[in-house]
Amino acid sequence: MKNERGKVWLGAGAVVVNSDGKWLVVKKKYSGLKGVWSIPAGFVQYGETADEAALREVREETGIHCIVTGMVGFRTGVIRGEVSDNMAIFACRPINEHQPIRIQEKELYDAKWLSVNELLTCGEASVMLQEMASDSLIRHQLSKNDGINPGDWFQYTSYRVFFNK
């Protein structure tokens, strides 16, 4: 699968926060995030926007259906001097707070709702997750704007922008 992506990768992740302020986190069975708490995330697929990919990844990994409320960050890096690895990170909230978590057993050890304090003190959160939790970034998100049309010339089938309002 990595070869199909070429040397420029775009991923999407979701910081899903419920009305109690708890974050939906997952423990992956693979990669550098193996066995540590992180946000649901994965690669953007052909024909979808980054925010659509974030929602799909949350749904696939946990069974939780969400809506995007904004964008909280963008992570970018270069792997071994040749692969551009990028991730758009979106703020989300669950549509149904009582929906049970159903983990994707092929990819995950576990998924659960944890408070910010639990994330900061558990000793098992990824570096990025610790940074996000300690910064209260959810309060500083970029707003999602669906009603903008850049012009028919571009022929977008899905289009949205995220700005600081």
N, C-alpha and C. Protein backbone atom coordinates (compact mmCIF):
# COMPACT_ATOMS: atom_id res chain seq x y z
N MET A 1 0.81 -1.20 0.00
CA MET A 1 0.00 0.00 0.00
C MET A 1 0.86 1.26 0.00
N LYS A 2 2.01 1.25 0.68
CA LYS A 2 2.85 2.44 0.73
C LYS A 2 3.33 2.84 -0.65
N ASN A 3 3.64 1.86 -1.50
CA ASN A 3 4.11 2.17 -2.85
C ASN A 3 3.06 2.89 -3.67
N GLU A 4 1.77 2.58 -3.44
CA GLU A 4 0.70 3.25 -4.18
C GLU A 4 0.61 4.72 -3.81
N ARG A 5 1.03 5.09 -2.62
CA ARG A 5 0.94 6.47 -2.16
C ARG A 5 2.08 7.33 -2.71
N GLY A 6 3.11 6.72 -3.20
CA GLY A 6 4.25 7.48 -3.67
C GLY A 6 5.03 8.06 -2.50
N LYS A 7 5.64 9.21 -2.72
CA LYS A 7 6.50 9.79 -1.69
C LYS A 7 5.90 11.03 -1.03
N VAL A 8 4.63 11.29 -1.30
CA VAL A 8 3.92 12.36 -0.61
C VAL A 8 2.66 11.74 -0.01
N TRP A 9 2.61 11.69 1.31
CA TRP A 9 1.49 11.07 2.01
C TRP A 9 0.61 12.14 2.64
N LEU A 10 -0.70 11.91 2.60
CA LEU A 10 -1.64 12.77 3.31
C LEU A 10 -2.55 11.90 4.16
N GLY A 11 -2.48 12.13 5.44
CA GLY A 11 -3.34 11.44 6.39
C GLY A 11 -4.33 12.41 7.00
N ALA A 12 -5.29 11.84 7.71
CA ALA A 12 -6.29 12.64 8.42
C ALA A 12 -6.55 11.99 9.76
N GLY A 13 -6.63 12.81 10.78
CA GLY A 13 -6.91 12.32 12.12
C GLY A 13 -8.03 13.13 12.75
N ALA A 14 -8.60 12.57 13.82
CA ALA A 14 -9.74 13.22 14.47
C ALA A 14 -9.54 13.26 15.98
N VAL A 15 -9.68 14.45 16.54
CA VAL A 15 -9.76 14.61 17.99
C VAL A 15 -11.25 14.67 18.29
N VAL A 16 -11.80 13.54 18.73
CA VAL A 16 -13.23 13.42 19.00
C VAL A 16 -13.43 13.65 20.49
N VAL A 17 -14.21 14.67 20.83
CA VAL A 17 -14.45 15.03 22.23
C VAL A 17 -15.95 14.98 22.50
N ASN A 18 -16.33 14.26 23.56
CA ASN A 18 -17.76 14.18 23.91
C ASN A 18 -18.15 15.31 24.85
N SER A 19 -19.43 15.35 25.25
CA SER A 19 -19.93 16.46 26.07
C SER A 19 -19.34 16.46 27.48
N ASP A 20 -18.75 15.34 27.91
CA ASP A 20 -18.07 15.28 29.21
C ASP A 20 -16.61 15.73 29.10
N GLY A 21 -16.18 16.11 27.90
CA GLY A 21 -14.79 16.53 27.70
C GLY A 21 -13.81 15.39 27.53
N LYS A 22 -14.33 14.17 27.38
CA LYS A 22 -13.44 13.02 27.19
C LYS A 22 -13.11 12.86 25.71
N TRP A 23 -11.88 12.40 25.46
CA TRP A 23 -11.38 12.22 24.10
C TRP A 23 -11.45 10.75 23.71
N LEU A 24 -11.84 10.49 22.47
CA LEU A 24 -11.86 9.13 21.94
C LEU A 24 -10.44 8.81 21.45
N VAL A 25 -9.83 7.80 22.06
CA VAL A 25 -8.45 7.44 21.70
C VAL A 25 -8.36 5.96 21.38
N VAL A 26 -7.34 5.61 20.61
CA VAL A 26 -7.15 4.23 20.16
C VAL A 26 -5.72 3.77 20.43
N LYS A 27 -5.56 2.45 20.59
CA LYS A 27 -4.22 1.84 20.68
C LYS A 27 -4.05 0.95 19.46
N LYS A 28 -3.16 1.36 18.57
CA LYS A 28 -2.93 0.62 17.33
C LYS A 28 -2.04 -0.60 17.56
N LYS A 29 -2.17 -1.57 16.66
CA LYS A 29 -1.37 -2.80 16.73
C LYS A 29 -0.12 -2.72 15.84
N TYR A 30 0.14 -1.58 15.22
CA TYR A 30 1.23 -1.48 14.25
C TYR A 30 1.87 -0.09 14.29
N SER A 31 2.93 0.08 13.60
CA SER A 31 3.67 1.33 13.37
C SER A 31 4.31 1.87 14.65
N GLY A 32 4.79 3.09 14.55
CA GLY A 32 5.42 3.73 15.69
C GLY A 32 4.44 4.03 16.81
N LEU A 33 3.15 3.91 16.53
CA LEU A 33 2.13 4.16 17.55
C LEU A 33 1.64 2.87 18.20
N LYS A 34 2.30 1.76 17.91
CA LYS A 34 1.88 0.47 18.46
C LYS A 34 1.86 0.52 19.99
N GLY A 35 0.69 0.20 20.55
CA GLY A 35 0.56 0.08 22.00
C GLY A 35 0.46 1.36 22.79
N VAL A 36 0.38 2.51 22.11
CA VAL A 36 0.20 3.78 22.83
C VAL A 36 -1.11 4.42 22.39
N TRP A 37 -1.67 5.24 23.26
CA TRP A 37 -2.90 5.94 22.91
C TRP A 37 -2.60 7.01 21.86
N SER A 38 -3.46 7.07 20.85
CA SER A 38 -3.34 8.09 19.80
C SER A 38 -4.75 8.40 19.31
N ILE A 39 -4.85 9.32 18.39
CA ILE A 39 -6.16 9.65 17.82
C ILE A 39 -6.47 8.71 16.67
N PRO A 40 -7.75 8.46 16.39
CA PRO A 40 -8.10 7.70 15.19
C PRO A 40 -7.58 8.45 13.96
N ALA A 41 -6.92 7.74 13.07
CA ALA A 41 -6.31 8.41 11.92
C ALA A 41 -5.96 7.39 10.85
N GLY A 42 -5.76 7.88 9.64
CA GLY A 42 -5.34 7.04 8.53
C GLY A 42 -5.15 7.87 7.29
N PHE A 43 -4.90 7.20 6.19
CA PHE A 43 -4.62 7.90 4.94
C PHE A 43 -5.89 8.35 4.23
N VAL A 44 -5.79 9.51 3.57
CA VAL A 44 -6.87 10.00 2.73
C VAL A 44 -6.90 9.14 1.47
N GLN A 45 -8.09 8.71 1.08
CA GLN A 45 -8.24 7.87 -0.11
C GLN A 45 -8.64 8.73 -1.31
N TYR A 46 -8.43 8.17 -2.49
CA TYR A 46 -8.84 8.85 -3.72
C TYR A 46 -10.32 9.20 -3.63
N GLY A 47 -10.68 10.42 -4.05
CA GLY A 47 -12.08 10.82 -4.13
C GLY A 47 -12.69 11.31 -2.83
N GLU A 48 -11.88 11.50 -1.78
CA GLU A 48 -12.44 12.04 -0.53
C GLU A 48 -11.59 13.20 -0.05
N THR A 49 -12.23 14.09 0.69
CA THR A 49 -11.50 15.20 1.29
C THR A 49 -10.85 14.72 2.58
N ALA A 50 -9.94 15.51 3.11
CA ALA A 50 -9.24 15.12 4.33
C ALA A 50 -10.21 15.00 5.50
N ASP A 51 -11.19 15.90 5.62
CA ASP A 51 -12.14 15.81 6.73
C ASP A 51 -13.06 14.60 6.57
N GLU A 52 -13.41 14.24 5.35
CA GLU A 52 -14.19 13.02 5.12
C GLU A 52 -13.38 11.79 5.52
N ALA A 53 -12.08 11.81 5.23
CA ALA A 53 -11.21 10.69 5.62
C ALA A 53 -11.14 10.56 7.14
N ALA A 54 -11.07 11.68 7.84
CA ALA A 54 -11.02 11.63 9.31
C ALA A 54 -12.28 10.98 9.86
N LEU A 55 -13.44 11.36 9.34
CA LEU A 55 -14.70 10.76 9.80
C LEU A 55 -14.75 9.27 9.48
N ARG A 56 -14.29 8.90 8.30
CA ARG A 56 -14.27 7.48 7.90
C ARG A 56 -13.37 6.69 8.83
N GLU A 57 -12.19 7.21 9.13
CA GLU A 57 -11.26 6.50 10.01
C GLU A 57 -11.84 6.30 11.41
N VAL A 58 -12.49 7.32 11.96
CA VAL A 58 -13.12 7.17 13.27
C VAL A 58 -14.17 6.07 13.22
N ARG A 59 -15.00 6.11 12.19
CA ARG A 59 -16.07 5.11 12.03
C ARG A 59 -15.49 3.71 11.86
N GLU A 60 -14.46 3.56 11.01
CA GLU A 60 -13.86 2.24 10.77
C GLU A 60 -13.17 1.69 12.02
N GLU A 61 -12.44 2.55 12.72
CA GLU A 61 -11.64 2.08 13.85
C GLU A 61 -12.46 1.87 15.12
N THR A 62 -13.52 2.68 15.30
CA THR A 62 -14.25 2.64 16.58
C THR A 62 -15.75 2.41 16.46
N GLY A 63 -16.30 2.53 15.27
CA GLY A 63 -17.74 2.42 15.09
C GLY A 63 -18.50 3.68 15.47
N ILE A 64 -17.80 4.72 15.90
CA ILE A 64 -18.44 5.96 16.35
C ILE A 64 -18.66 6.88 15.14
N HIS A 65 -19.88 7.38 15.00
CA HIS A 65 -20.23 8.33 13.94
C HIS A 65 -20.09 9.74 14.50
N CYS A 66 -19.42 10.61 13.74
CA CYS A 66 -19.10 11.96 14.21
C CYS A 66 -19.46 13.01 13.17
N ILE A 67 -19.34 14.25 13.60
CA ILE A 67 -19.35 15.38 12.68
C ILE A 67 -18.09 16.20 12.95
N VAL A 68 -17.59 16.82 11.90
CA VAL A 68 -16.42 17.69 12.02
C VAL A 68 -16.90 19.07 12.46
N THR A 69 -16.27 19.62 13.49
CA THR A 69 -16.61 20.96 13.96
C THR A 69 -15.55 21.99 13.60
N GLY A 70 -14.37 21.53 13.22
CA GLY A 70 -13.30 22.44 12.86
C GLY A 70 -12.01 21.69 12.62
N MET A 71 -10.95 22.44 12.43
CA MET A 71 -9.62 21.86 12.23
C MET A 71 -8.72 22.36 13.35
N VAL A 72 -7.97 21.44 13.96
CA VAL A 72 -7.14 21.84 15.10
C VAL A 72 -5.65 21.87 14.81
N GLY A 73 -5.23 21.27 13.72
CA GLY A 73 -3.80 21.30 13.45
C GLY A 73 -3.41 20.57 12.19
N PHE A 74 -2.13 20.65 11.91
CA PHE A 74 -1.56 19.99 10.74
C PHE A 74 -0.16 19.52 11.13
N ARG A 75 0.09 18.23 10.96
CA ARG A 75 1.40 17.66 11.28
C ARG A 75 2.11 17.35 9.97
N THR A 76 3.39 17.73 9.87
CA THR A 76 4.14 17.47 8.65
C THR A 76 5.57 17.08 9.00
N GLY A 77 6.12 16.16 8.25
CA GLY A 77 7.49 15.71 8.48
C GLY A 77 8.02 14.98 7.26
N VAL A 78 9.30 14.71 7.26
CA VAL A 78 9.94 13.96 6.18
C VAL A 78 10.58 12.72 6.79
N ILE A 79 10.24 11.56 6.24
CA ILE A 79 10.75 10.28 6.73
C ILE A 79 11.99 9.88 5.93
N ARG A 80 13.08 9.60 6.64
CA ARG A 80 14.35 9.17 6.03
C ARG A 80 14.78 10.05 4.86
N GLY A 81 14.48 11.34 4.93
CA GLY A 81 14.92 12.28 3.92
C GLY A 81 14.22 12.18 2.58
N GLU A 82 13.16 11.37 2.47
CA GLU A 82 12.55 11.22 1.15
C GLU A 82 11.04 11.15 1.11
N VAL A 83 10.36 10.78 2.18
CA VAL A 83 8.90 10.66 2.14
C VAL A 83 8.27 11.80 2.92
N SER A 84 7.47 12.62 2.24
CA SER A 84 6.75 13.71 2.87
C SER A 84 5.49 13.14 3.53
N ASP A 85 5.44 13.19 4.86
CA ASP A 85 4.36 12.58 5.64
C ASP A 85 3.56 13.69 6.32
N ASN A 86 2.30 13.85 5.93
CA ASN A 86 1.48 14.97 6.37
C ASN A 86 0.14 14.48 6.92
N MET A 87 -0.37 15.17 7.94
CA MET A 87 -1.67 14.81 8.50
C MET A 87 -2.46 16.05 8.90
N ALA A 88 -3.68 16.15 8.39
CA ALA A 88 -4.63 17.17 8.82
C ALA A 88 -5.39 16.61 10.01
N ILE A 89 -5.52 17.42 11.06
CA ILE A 89 -6.15 16.96 12.30
C ILE A 89 -7.40 17.80 12.56
N PHE A 90 -8.54 17.11 12.66
CA PHE A 90 -9.84 17.76 12.78
C PHE A 90 -10.45 17.57 14.16
N ALA A 91 -11.18 18.59 14.61
CA ALA A 91 -11.98 18.49 15.83
C ALA A 91 -13.33 17.90 15.44
N CYS A 92 -13.78 16.92 16.22
CA CYS A 92 -15.05 16.26 15.93
C CYS A 92 -15.83 16.05 17.22
N ARG A 93 -17.12 15.83 17.05
CA ARG A 93 -17.94 15.43 18.18
C ARG A 93 -18.81 14.26 17.73
N PRO A 94 -19.11 13.36 18.66
CA PRO A 94 -19.94 12.21 18.30
C PRO A 94 -21.38 12.64 18.04
N ILE A 95 -22.03 11.99 17.09
CA ILE A 95 -23.43 12.28 16.80
C ILE A 95 -24.31 11.71 17.91
N ASN A 96 -24.01 10.50 18.36
CA ASN A 96 -24.76 9.83 19.42
C ASN A 96 -23.79 9.49 20.54
N GLU A 97 -23.88 10.18 21.65
CA GLU A 97 -22.95 9.98 22.76
C GLU A 97 -23.09 8.62 23.43
N HIS A 98 -24.20 7.94 23.20
CA HIS A 98 -24.44 6.65 23.85
C HIS A 98 -24.07 5.47 22.95
N GLN A 99 -23.56 5.76 21.77
CA GLN A 99 -23.17 4.70 20.85
C GLN A 99 -21.97 3.95 21.43
N PRO A 100 -22.05 2.62 21.50
CA PRO A 100 -20.92 1.86 22.05
C PRO A 100 -19.73 1.84 21.08
N ILE A 101 -18.55 1.76 21.63
CA ILE A 101 -17.33 1.63 20.82
C ILE A 101 -17.23 0.19 20.33
N ARG A 102 -16.96 0.05 19.03
CA ARG A 102 -16.69 -1.26 18.42
C ARG A 102 -15.32 -1.16 17.77
N ILE A 103 -14.31 -1.77 18.39
CA ILE A 103 -12.96 -1.62 17.85
C ILE A 103 -12.74 -2.48 16.60
N GLN A 104 -11.93 -1.96 15.73
CA GLN A 104 -11.50 -2.68 14.54
C GLN A 104 -10.36 -3.60 14.98
N GLU A 105 -10.70 -4.83 15.30
CA GLU A 105 -9.74 -5.74 15.94
C GLU A 105 -8.50 -6.02 15.10
N LYS A 106 -8.62 -5.91 13.79
CA LYS A 106 -7.46 -6.15 12.92
C LYS A 106 -6.37 -5.10 13.15
N GLU A 107 -6.77 -3.86 13.45
CA GLU A 107 -5.81 -2.76 13.59
C GLU A 107 -5.59 -2.28 15.01
N LEU A 108 -6.54 -2.53 15.92
CA LEU A 108 -6.48 -1.93 17.25
C LEU A 108 -6.45 -2.95 18.37
N TYR A 109 -5.72 -2.59 19.43
CA TYR A 109 -5.79 -3.34 20.69
C TYR A 109 -7.00 -2.87 21.49
N ASP A 110 -7.26 -1.55 21.45
CA ASP A 110 -8.29 -0.99 22.32
C ASP A 110 -8.69 0.39 21.81
N ALA A 111 -9.84 0.86 22.27
CA ALA A 111 -10.32 2.22 22.04
C ALA A 111 -11.19 2.58 23.23
N LYS A 112 -11.09 3.81 23.68
CA LYS A 112 -11.91 4.23 24.83
C LYS A 112 -11.95 5.74 24.92
N TRP A 113 -12.83 6.22 25.79
CA TRP A 113 -12.94 7.64 26.11
C TRP A 113 -12.08 7.92 27.33
N LEU A 114 -11.16 8.88 27.23
CA LEU A 114 -10.31 9.26 28.36
C LEU A 114 -10.36 10.78 28.56
N SER A 115 -10.28 11.20 29.81
CA SER A 115 -10.23 12.63 30.11
C SER A 115 -8.84 13.17 29.75
N VAL A 116 -8.75 14.47 29.62
CA VAL A 116 -7.46 15.10 29.35
C VAL A 116 -6.47 14.76 30.46
N ASN A 117 -6.92 14.79 31.70
CA ASN A 117 -6.04 14.45 32.83
C ASN A 117 -5.54 13.01 32.71
N GLU A 118 -6.43 12.08 32.35
CA GLU A 118 -6.01 10.69 32.18
C GLU A 118 -4.97 10.56 31.06
N LEU A 119 -5.17 11.31 29.97
CA LEU A 119 -4.22 11.27 28.86
C LEU A 119 -2.85 11.79 29.29
N LEU A 120 -2.85 12.83 30.10
CA LEU A 120 -1.59 13.45 30.50
C LEU A 120 -0.86 12.67 31.58
N THR A 121 -1.56 11.80 32.31
CA THR A 121 -0.92 11.09 33.43
C THR A 121 -0.79 9.59 33.23
N CYS A 122 -1.35 9.04 32.15
CA CYS A 122 -1.36 7.58 31.99
C CYS A 122 0.00 7.01 31.61
N GLY A 123 0.87 7.82 31.02
CA GLY A 123 2.18 7.33 30.60
C GLY A 123 2.14 6.49 29.34
N GLU A 124 0.99 6.42 28.68
CA GLU A 124 0.84 5.61 27.47
C GLU A 124 0.31 6.41 26.28
N ALA A 125 0.32 7.73 26.36
CA ALA A 125 -0.17 8.56 25.27
C ALA A 125 0.98 8.91 24.33
N SER A 126 0.68 8.95 23.03
CA SER A 126 1.70 9.34 22.05
C SER A 126 2.16 10.77 22.33
N VAL A 127 3.33 11.10 21.83
CA VAL A 127 3.88 12.44 22.03
C VAL A 127 2.92 13.49 21.47
N MET A 128 2.41 13.27 20.26
CA MET A 128 1.51 14.24 19.65
C MET A 128 0.23 14.38 20.47
N LEU A 129 -0.32 13.26 20.97
CA LEU A 129 -1.54 13.31 21.77
C LEU A 129 -1.30 14.08 23.07
N GLN A 130 -0.16 13.86 23.70
CA GLN A 130 0.17 14.61 24.92
C GLN A 130 0.25 16.11 24.64
N GLU A 131 0.88 16.47 23.52
CA GLU A 131 0.99 17.89 23.16
C GLU A 131 -0.38 18.50 22.92
N MET A 132 -1.23 17.78 22.19
CA MET A 132 -2.57 18.30 21.91
C MET A 132 -3.38 18.44 23.19
N ALA A 133 -3.32 17.45 24.07
CA ALA A 133 -4.10 17.48 25.31
C ALA A 133 -3.61 18.57 26.25
N SER A 134 -2.31 18.80 26.30
CA SER A 134 -1.78 19.80 27.22
C SER A 134 -2.01 21.22 26.73
N ASP A 135 -2.29 21.38 25.45
CA ASP A 135 -2.44 22.71 24.86
C ASP A 135 -3.89 23.19 24.79
N SER A 136 -4.84 22.35 25.17
CA SER A 136 -6.26 22.70 25.06
C SER A 136 -6.60 23.21 23.67
N LEU A 137 -6.05 22.56 22.66
CA LEU A 137 -6.18 23.04 21.29
C LEU A 137 -7.60 23.07 20.78
N ILE A 138 -8.49 22.31 21.36
CA ILE A 138 -9.86 22.27 20.86
C ILE A 138 -10.50 23.65 20.92
N ARG A 139 -10.12 24.47 21.89
CA ARG A 139 -10.69 25.81 22.00
C ARG A 139 -10.17 26.76 20.92
N HIS A 140 -9.11 26.39 20.23
CA HIS A 140 -8.48 27.28 19.26
C HIS A 140 -8.59 26.74 17.84
N GLN A 141 -9.67 26.04 17.54
CA GLN A 141 -9.79 25.40 16.24
C GLN A 141 -10.18 26.38 15.13
N LEU A 142 -9.84 26.00 13.91
CA LEU A 142 -10.28 26.72 12.73
C LEU A 142 -11.71 26.29 12.43
N SER A 143 -12.56 27.23 12.05
CA SER A 143 -13.96 26.93 11.78
C SER A 143 -14.14 26.32 10.40
N LYS A 144 -15.07 25.36 10.32
CA LYS A 144 -15.40 24.71 9.05
C LYS A 144 -16.40 25.58 8.30
N ASN A 145 -16.13 25.83 7.01
CA ASN A 145 -17.00 26.63 6.16
C ASN A 145 -17.36 25.84 4.91
N ASP A 146 -18.62 25.40 4.83
CA ASP A 146 -19.08 24.59 3.70
C ASP A 146 -19.64 25.43 2.55
N GLY A 147 -20.09 26.64 2.81
CA GLY A 147 -20.86 27.38 1.83
C GLY A 147 -20.06 28.19 0.82
N ILE A 148 -18.82 27.87 0.61
CA ILE A 148 -17.99 28.64 -0.32
C ILE A 148 -17.84 27.88 -1.63
N ASN A 149 -18.04 28.58 -2.75
CA ASN A 149 -17.85 27.97 -4.07
C ASN A 149 -16.74 28.74 -4.77
N PRO A 150 -15.60 28.09 -5.04
CA PRO A 150 -14.48 28.78 -5.67
C PRO A 150 -14.70 29.03 -7.16
N GLY A 151 -15.79 28.53 -7.71
CA GLY A 151 -16.10 28.69 -9.12
C GLY A 151 -16.29 27.35 -9.80
N ASP A 152 -17.21 27.31 -10.75
CA ASP A 152 -17.53 26.06 -11.44
C ASP A 152 -16.36 25.54 -12.27
N TRP A 153 -15.45 26.42 -12.65
CA TRP A 153 -14.31 26.04 -13.45
C TRP A 153 -13.52 24.90 -12.82
N PHE A 154 -13.40 24.90 -11.49
CA PHE A 154 -12.60 23.89 -10.79
C PHE A 154 -13.27 22.52 -10.75
N GLN A 155 -14.59 22.48 -10.88
CA GLN A 155 -15.37 21.23 -10.91
C GLN A 155 -15.21 20.40 -9.64
N TYR A 156 -15.19 21.06 -8.48
CA TYR A 156 -15.14 20.33 -7.21
C TYR A 156 -16.44 19.58 -7.00
N THR A 157 -16.35 18.33 -6.55
CA THR A 157 -17.54 17.59 -6.14
C THR A 157 -17.73 17.68 -4.63
N SER A 158 -16.69 18.06 -3.93
CA SER A 158 -16.74 18.29 -2.49
C SER A 158 -15.72 19.37 -2.17
N TYR A 159 -16.15 20.39 -1.42
CA TYR A 159 -15.25 21.52 -1.17
C TYR A 159 -15.61 22.18 0.15
N ARG A 160 -14.62 22.43 0.98
CA ARG A 160 -14.81 23.20 2.20
C ARG A 160 -13.47 23.82 2.58
N VAL A 161 -13.54 24.88 3.35
CA VAL A 161 -12.33 25.53 3.83
C VAL A 161 -12.41 25.67 5.35
N PHE A 162 -11.26 25.80 5.97
CA PHE A 162 -11.17 25.96 7.42
C PHE A 162 -10.38 27.23 7.70
N PHE A 163 -11.04 28.20 8.35
CA PHE A 163 -10.43 29.49 8.65
C PHE A 163 -10.55 29.80 10.13
N ASN A 164 -9.70 30.68 10.61
CA ASN A 164 -9.80 31.19 11.96
C ASN A 164 -10.77 32.35 11.93
N LYS A 165 -11.86 32.24 12.68
CA LYS A 165 -12.86 33.32 12.69
C LYS A 165 -12.74 34.14 13.94
